[in-house]
Protein backbone atom coordinates (compact mmCIF):
# COMPACT_ATOMS: atom_id res chain seq x y z
CA MET A 1 -17.41 10.30 13.96
CA SER A 2 -16.33 6.95 15.41
CA ASN A 3 -13.63 4.55 13.87
CA GLU A 4 -16.23 1.59 13.77
CA PRO A 5 -15.95 -0.91 11.06
CA ILE A 6 -17.60 0.27 7.65
CA THR A 7 -19.16 -1.79 4.94
CA LEU A 8 -19.46 -0.49 1.45
CA THR A 9 -21.54 -2.26 -1.28
CA ALA A 10 -21.96 -1.94 -4.95
CA GLY A 11 -23.44 -4.72 -7.07
CA ASP A 12 -22.24 -7.91 -5.46
CA ALA A 13 -19.10 -6.47 -4.20
CA GLU A 14 -18.57 -5.65 -0.61
CA ALA A 15 -15.65 -4.05 1.15
CA THR A 16 -15.09 -3.59 4.88
CA VAL A 17 -12.93 -0.51 5.96
CA LEU A 18 -11.34 -0.67 9.38
CA PRO A 19 -10.38 2.79 10.51
CA GLY A 20 -9.80 1.44 14.04
CA ASN A 21 -7.23 -1.09 12.78
CA GLY A 22 -4.75 1.20 10.78
CA GLY A 23 -7.09 2.56 8.36
CA ARG A 24 -6.84 -0.98 6.58
CA ILE A 25 -9.31 -2.59 4.10
CA GLY A 26 -10.33 -5.86 6.28
CA GLY A 27 -12.04 -7.52 3.41
CA LEU A 28 -13.20 -7.42 -0.29
CA ARG A 29 -15.82 -9.93 -1.33
CA VAL A 30 -16.92 -10.21 -5.22
CA GLY A 31 -19.98 -12.54 -5.50
CA GLY A 32 -19.33 -13.77 -1.97
CA THR A 33 -15.85 -14.82 -2.46
CA GLU A 34 -13.29 -13.15 -0.28
CA LEU A 35 -10.31 -11.92 -1.99
CA LEU A 36 -7.96 -10.66 0.98
CA ARG A 37 -6.26 -12.70 3.54
CA GLN A 38 -8.03 -12.39 6.69
CA GLY A 39 -6.51 -11.45 10.15
CA GLU A 40 -5.82 -8.24 12.07
CA ARG A 41 -2.39 -7.71 10.49
CA TYR A 42 -3.80 -8.59 6.77
CA GLY A 43 -6.34 -7.19 4.52
CA CYS A 44 -4.75 -4.34 2.82
CA PHE A 45 -3.01 -1.63 4.98
CA PRO A 46 -1.58 1.71 4.02
CA MET A 47 1.96 2.47 4.16
CA VAL A 48 2.38 6.17 5.20
CA PRO A 49 4.44 8.14 6.00
CA TRP A 50 6.94 5.63 4.24
CA CYS A 51 6.79 2.38 2.60
CA GLY A 52 8.82 -0.66 3.07
CA ARG A 53 12.09 -0.48 5.05
CA ILE A 54 14.14 2.36 6.17
CA ARG A 55 17.81 1.57 6.42
CA ASP A 56 18.55 1.19 10.23
CA GLY A 57 15.33 3.40 10.87
CA ARG A 58 17.11 6.38 10.16
CA PHE A 59 16.32 9.11 7.51
CA SER A 60 17.78 12.70 6.92
CA ASP A 61 16.00 15.88 6.13
CA GLY A 62 18.75 18.34 5.54
CA ALA A 63 21.27 18.09 8.21
CA VAL A 64 18.71 16.64 10.76
CA VAL A 65 18.70 12.90 11.17
CA HIS A 66 15.53 11.29 12.42
CA GLN A 67 15.36 7.86 14.13
CA MET A 68 12.17 5.67 13.74
CA PRO A 69 11.43 2.70 15.87
CA LEU A 70 12.93 -0.45 14.63
CA ASN A 71 9.83 -2.38 14.27
CA SER A 72 11.52 -4.72 11.81
CA PRO A 73 15.13 -4.97 13.24
CA PRO A 74 17.70 -3.64 12.09
CA HIS A 75 15.26 -1.62 10.01
CA ALA A 76 11.91 0.32 10.46
CA ILE A 77 9.11 -0.82 8.07
CA HIS A 78 5.83 0.36 6.35
CA GLY A 79 5.20 3.68 8.22
CA THR A 80 3.42 4.37 11.37
CA ALA A 81 -0.40 4.75 10.25
CA ARG A 82 -1.08 1.01 10.02
CA ASP A 83 -0.48 0.74 13.92
CA ALA A 84 -3.01 3.63 14.56
CA ALA A 85 -6.78 4.26 14.80
CA TRP A 86 -8.02 6.54 11.98
CA ARG A 87 -11.06 8.77 12.12
CA THR A 88 -14.13 8.48 9.84
CA ALA A 89 -14.80 11.84 8.23
CA ARG A 90 -17.64 10.84 5.58
CA VAL A 91 -19.44 7.58 4.52
CA THR A 92 -21.84 6.70 1.75
CA ALA A 93 -23.00 3.48 0.45
CA ASP A 94 -20.05 2.78 -1.64
CA GLU A 95 -17.52 5.50 -0.26
CA ALA A 96 -15.63 6.06 2.93
CA VAL A 97 -13.31 9.05 3.76
CA ILE A 98 -10.99 8.21 6.84
CA THR A 99 -8.15 10.56 8.28
CA TYR A 100 -5.14 10.21 10.39
CA ASP A 101 -3.10 12.97 11.96
CA LEU A 102 0.58 12.09 12.02
CA VAL A 103 2.16 12.16 15.61
CA ASP A 104 5.23 10.87 17.50
CA PRO A 105 7.50 9.07 16.47
CA TRP A 106 6.93 10.60 13.22
CA PRO A 107 8.70 14.06 13.59
CA TYR A 108 6.32 16.40 11.50
CA PRO A 109 2.86 17.42 11.98
CA GLY A 110 0.62 16.42 8.90
CA ARG A 111 -2.78 14.85 8.10
CA VAL A 112 -3.25 11.64 6.08
CA THR A 113 -6.62 11.26 4.24
CA GLN A 114 -7.70 7.97 2.67
CA VAL A 115 -10.58 7.74 0.17
CA VAL A 116 -12.01 4.17 -0.30
CA ALA A 117 -14.36 4.06 -3.29
CA LEU A 118 -16.18 0.92 -4.31
CA ALA A 119 -17.89 0.18 -7.71
CA GLU A 120 -19.23 -3.09 -8.92
CA ASP A 121 -15.97 -3.95 -10.81
CA ARG A 122 -13.32 -1.98 -8.84
CA LEU A 123 -12.05 -0.52 -5.78
CA THR A 124 -10.38 2.75 -5.92
CA LEU A 125 -7.96 3.68 -3.03
CA SER A 126 -6.69 7.37 -2.80
CA MET A 127 -4.36 8.72 -0.12
CA SER A 128 -2.95 12.36 0.40
CA VAL A 129 -0.46 13.61 2.98
CA GLU A 130 -0.71 17.37 3.69
CA THR A 131 0.88 19.77 6.10
CA TYR A 132 0.23 23.37 7.02
CA GLU A 133 3.58 23.65 8.91
CA SER A 134 7.17 22.70 7.70
CA SER A 135 7.78 20.63 4.65
CA PHE A 136 8.95 16.91 5.01
CA PRO A 137 9.68 13.93 2.96
CA ALA A 138 7.29 11.04 2.79
CA GLN A 139 5.83 8.07 0.74
CA ILE A 140 2.60 6.67 0.27
CA GLY A 141 1.88 3.00 -0.65
CA TRP A 142 -0.74 0.13 -0.14
CA HIS A 143 0.05 -3.28 1.11
CA PRO A 144 -2.78 -5.89 0.04
CA TRP A 145 -2.59 -9.35 0.88
CA PHE A 146 -4.61 -11.21 -1.85
CA ASN A 147 -5.41 -14.69 -1.11
CA ARG A 148 -3.29 -16.95 -3.17
CA THR A 149 -6.03 -19.66 -3.70
CA LEU A 150 -9.60 -18.86 -4.19
CA ASP A 151 -12.18 -21.86 -4.29
CA GLY A 152 -9.21 -24.24 -4.74
CA THR A 153 -7.60 -22.16 -7.69
CA GLY A 154 -4.31 -20.82 -7.25
CA VAL A 155 -3.14 -17.42 -8.50
CA GLU A 156 -0.93 -16.52 -11.50
CA ILE A 157 0.85 -13.23 -11.35
CA ALA A 158 1.71 -11.25 -14.64
CA PHE A 159 3.48 -8.07 -14.97
CA ASP A 160 6.27 -6.58 -17.36
CA PRO A 161 8.53 -4.22 -15.26
CA ALA A 162 11.23 -2.21 -16.99
CA TRP A 163 13.69 -3.18 -14.11
CA GLN A 164 14.13 -4.75 -10.80
CA GLU A 165 15.66 -3.04 -7.87
CA GLU A 166 18.76 -5.15 -6.87
CA ARG A 167 18.22 -6.48 -3.47
CA GLY A 168 21.11 -6.50 -0.97
CA ASP A 169 21.51 -9.04 1.93
CA ASP A 170 19.83 -6.34 4.27
CA HIS A 171 16.62 -6.64 2.01
CA LEU A 172 17.13 -3.17 0.77
CA PRO A 173 17.84 -1.99 -2.76
CA THR A 174 21.63 -1.58 -3.49
CA GLY A 175 20.83 1.20 -6.00
CA ASN A 176 21.58 -1.07 -8.88
CA ARG A 177 18.91 -1.79 -11.44
CA VAL A 178 18.87 -5.31 -12.89
CA GLU A 179 16.89 -7.23 -15.36
CA PRO A 180 13.78 -8.63 -13.84
CA LYS A 181 14.18 -12.10 -12.55
CA PRO A 182 11.81 -14.85 -12.06
CA GLY A 183 10.19 -15.38 -8.56
CA PRO A 184 9.56 -15.90 -5.84
CA TRP A 185 9.94 -12.49 -4.91
CA ASP A 186 10.21 -9.85 -2.09
CA ASP A 187 11.40 -7.25 -4.52
CA CYS A 188 10.84 -3.76 -5.83
CA PHE A 189 10.28 -3.27 -9.62
CA GLY A 190 10.09 -0.08 -11.69
CA MET A 191 7.37 0.61 -14.12
CA PRO A 192 7.80 4.12 -15.75
CA ASP A 193 4.58 4.00 -17.47
CA GLY A 194 2.60 3.26 -14.10
CA VAL A 195 2.07 0.10 -12.04
CA ASP A 196 0.15 -2.56 -13.97
CA VAL A 197 0.05 -6.13 -12.51
CA THR A 198 -2.65 -8.90 -13.37
CA LEU A 199 -3.70 -11.56 -10.75
CA THR A 200 -5.67 -14.43 -12.29
CA TRP A 201 -7.45 -17.29 -10.71
CA PRO A 202 -8.00 -19.21 -13.86
CA GLY A 203 -11.65 -19.71 -14.55
CA LEU A 204 -12.82 -17.51 -11.60
CA LEU A 205 -11.36 -14.04 -11.51
CA GLU A 206 -8.91 -11.73 -13.10
CA LEU A 207 -7.78 -8.76 -10.95
CA LYS A 208 -5.64 -5.91 -12.19
CA VAL A 209 -3.67 -3.65 -9.72
CA THR A 210 -3.04 -0.30 -11.43
CA SER A 211 -1.43 3.04 -10.47
CA ARG A 212 0.03 6.10 -11.90
CA GLU A 213 3.02 5.66 -9.60
CA GLN A 214 6.00 3.93 -10.90
CA TRP A 215 7.02 1.65 -8.21
CA ALA A 216 5.70 -1.75 -6.94
CA VAL A 217 6.83 -4.38 -4.60
CA VAL A 218 5.78 -7.91 -5.38
CA TYR A 219 5.88 -10.55 -2.45
CA ASP A 220 4.91 -14.01 -3.01
CA GLU A 221 6.93 -15.92 -0.51
CA GLN A 222 4.05 -16.92 1.78
CA GLU A 223 1.69 -19.88 0.97
CA ALA A 224 -1.35 -18.19 1.98
CA ALA A 225 -1.20 -14.70 0.00
CA VAL A 226 0.51 -12.69 -2.52
CA CYS A 227 1.20 -8.93 -2.14
CA VAL A 228 1.28 -6.37 -4.87
CA GLU A 229 2.17 -3.07 -3.26
CA PRO A 230 2.03 0.28 -5.41
CA GLN A 231 4.02 3.04 -3.90
CA THR A 232 5.38 6.46 -4.76
CA GLY A 233 9.12 5.26 -4.33
CA PRO A 234 11.39 2.33 -3.46
CA PRO A 235 12.21 0.96 -0.04
CA ASN A 236 14.43 3.30 1.79
CA GLY A 237 13.18 5.88 -0.42
CA LEU A 238 13.08 8.64 2.35
CA ASN A 239 16.76 8.52 1.89
CA THR A 240 17.23 7.65 -1.79
CA LEU A 241 14.21 9.26 -3.46
CA PRO A 242 12.33 11.46 -1.18
CA ARG A 243 9.06 13.10 -2.24
CA LEU A 244 8.43 16.20 -0.49
CA VAL A 245 5.11 17.36 1.42
CA THR A 246 4.95 21.22 1.34
CA PRO A 247 2.29 23.44 2.64
CA LEU A 248 1.47 24.29 -0.96
CA GLU A 249 1.67 20.70 -2.40
CA PRO A 250 0.43 17.59 -0.72
CA LEU A 251 1.68 14.07 -1.68
CA GLU A 252 -1.07 12.29 -3.37
CA ALA A 253 -1.48 8.64 -4.90
CA THR A 254 -4.15 6.47 -6.33
CA THR A 255 -4.32 2.81 -6.95
CA THR A 256 -7.31 0.89 -8.58
CA TRP A 257 -8.03 -2.83 -8.31
CA SER A 258 -10.41 -3.86 -11.17
CA TRP A 259 -11.74 -7.25 -11.72
CA ARG A 260 -13.70 -9.21 -14.28
CA ARG A 261 -15.10 -12.77 -14.25
CA PRO A 262 -15.09 -15.12 -17.11
C-alpha cells in the first residue's frame, strides 16, 4: 500500500496519520479543535530505535562501538524513523497499521510496526521492534507536541514522578536521581508505576498521557507547545539502560491519550 496521509475518525475525534513523514500523527482534532502543533516537524513523531540524545552519537553493543549521525551536535537525537517514509500495512475507519524497516545508518536489520487506534475518547499508539537476525539494543518512545493554548486557554501540566534524572550541562542524565524540581523542564522523570501525566486546558479539555513504561521526558520550554514523551528508557539509554530486541522477543510499548470535556 502507499504512504499517503490517512484520516481516522471515531465520534467527533479525527486523527491524521502521515506514513510518508516519519510515521507521525499529523493532527488530532476533538470536536473540531486541533490538539497538536501543526507543521512538518511537529504533530507526534515516533522515537525509534532510540529516544532523546545519544552521547556523542556513539553506543556500544558488546565490544563494538557504533556511530550515529550527529543530527543535534554534539549528539544524535530521537532515532532514525522520524526522518523516513513508512509503509501502510492496513487501514480501517479508526485504526491504521504502518511499518518501517530499519536501514543505514542504524547497523542492525529489523522492522518497526506502529498501530494507531482512535476511539471517541482516546488515541492509543503501540509500537514494536522485531528482528529475525542478530539481537540489538533499542528504545521506543513518542514525541507529541501538544498546543500550549487551545481557544485562548493555556495548559496546566500535572504529574507526580518518583524522581527526576539530574541533567548535565550536555543535556544528558548524569546518572544521579534527584527530587523533582519545578519547571520549565526539558527533563526526564521516573515513574515506576507507569507514566501518568495530565494536561488540562481549564474549562475546555483534560487529556491524560499514560503508559506502562516508566520513563517520560517533559519539555515545556517553547511558547507554542508542550511535550510529554513516554519512552522505554532515559535519554542515552542505549548506553546506560539498553533494552534488547531478540529474534524471540521484540521490544514493545504502548501509550494512550485519553480525554474528557467538562
